[in-house]
Amino acid sequence: MEIVLTSFYSLLFALIIRKAKFFSAPGLSNNTVAGIFLLKVMFGILLWYTYTYYYTNKAENDIYKFFDDAKYIYAAIKTNPLHYLQLVFGINSEAVHLKPYLEQTTHWYKPWPGSTFHDNNIIIQFNALVYLFSQGYFNVHTVFMSFISLLGLMCMYKTFVVWCKGKTNLLLAAIFLVPSVLFWSSGVLKEGLLITGLGVVLYSLHNLLNKDNLVLNTIFLLLGGYFVFQTKMYVFAALLPALLFVLIVLFTGKQGAIVKFIVIHVLLVILAFNLYRINSAWDIVAYLHLKQMGFIQTAISEQAGSYIDINYLENSTISLINNVPSAVINVLFRPFITEASSLPIYAAAMETAVFSIFSVFALFFFKKPSAQFLPMVLAITSFILILVTLIGLLTPLLGSIVRFRMPFVPLYAAILVGIIDFKKLLNFLVRLLPLSRLK
């Protein structure tokens, strides 16, 4: 029965994609997007297979622990449908009469007080909602997640396609076909929901900068931002400077965008490092120091196989600044091929090597973004660098790095497509051919 339902919903969503205007864009037909969706479903099932038969501890596997918790929320529909709706949509979900349902779950509540790196409610709510259609068959949830995350990727494509005229095939590959994005965004994990929220935020910002339907896009911006906030708060924190920058550009114009970008970020850095003077609980350096210690101790105690030595972050601003370069390198350029000890890490290392090569191409064959799109490039660059720094400072596991960085990977790939002058690159490679023959 699971195969029948999974196939039915896959074909239903594929039909919707083929008919809906939203899924067409320059260089991208509805049929192509439908094919990408079915590819995502295949990768989502691959993720399920990996977590079921490769990592066999279901109690610790994210796809199962949130799926299993959702059945207790879904059970409320039989007792009181209103209770079910309250839990799924977060309407006074901490009310006393709802506690009997929540007390049966094991991951509804955050793992420790004040945790900002874990917020499980939204993925549990997603699963509880899909239970209405799935009859409890897991891969039906995979199909729904593949479709929802496709919406976010489609928004990202539409954000970049105006800038990348003449490069639509490359942009298609950058946004939709990067293996780690296909893998992590298509399964029943928070990453799929995160991609959706990010895509909506970026597309809304792009439309606002172009003065396109200000009211509607402001609503979508707020909804997308709330979605990101509810999914992973630290990703939302990384997004805030970009949102502030675009907001200022929106009201002051695109002229001098680079100067505005620098000034805003310098002021925000000064403010961030001095918040403790207002309230000692807002000491960002101390917070990051404690978070890193927690991640390292957990990784060591669990004898994680992909553990790497990262620089210890002391409780000082100087230590934080000194650790930023290695943090960025760890996230953008690792795992190295020589570090691969398993098939998943080897696949990630191969992907990272490709990104490293194209990053070098971007340095030597750089093409400046147009003034029209420069604010969006700067905003997305801000988000990527802040998120990269946070992940690199705190995460000592290559496996976690590969997964945590996925939300910015399509954005990073799309920026590379935009800033590389591929005509100059091609001419350079052609000139190398005679030299290779002589050798």
Foldseek 3Di string as FASTA:
>chain_A
DQVVLLVVLLVVLLVVQQPDPLNDDVVGHSNNLSVLLVLLLVLQVVLVCCCVPVVPPLCPDQLRLLLVLLVLLLVVCVVPVVLSVCQLVVPPCVDPVNVVSNVVHDPCDPPDPPDQQDHSSNLSSLSNVCCVRNVSNRSSSLSVQSSLLSQLLSLVLVLQPVLLPVCSVLLCCLRRPQSLLSNQRRHSALLVLLSNLVSQLLSLLSCLLVVHPVVVSVVSNVVSLVSNCNSGVVLSVLLVLLVVLSVVCSVVPLPPSVVSSVVSVVVVVVCQCCVCVVPVVSRPLVVLLVLQVVQVVVCVVVVPPQFDDADRRDSDPVSLVVRQVQLLCCLQQDDACVSDDDDVRNSLNVSSVVSVVLVVLCVVQFDDGDSSCVSSLSSLVSSLSSQSRSCSSRHRGSVVSSNSNSSSSSVSSSVSSSTGPVVVVVVVVVVCVVVVVVD
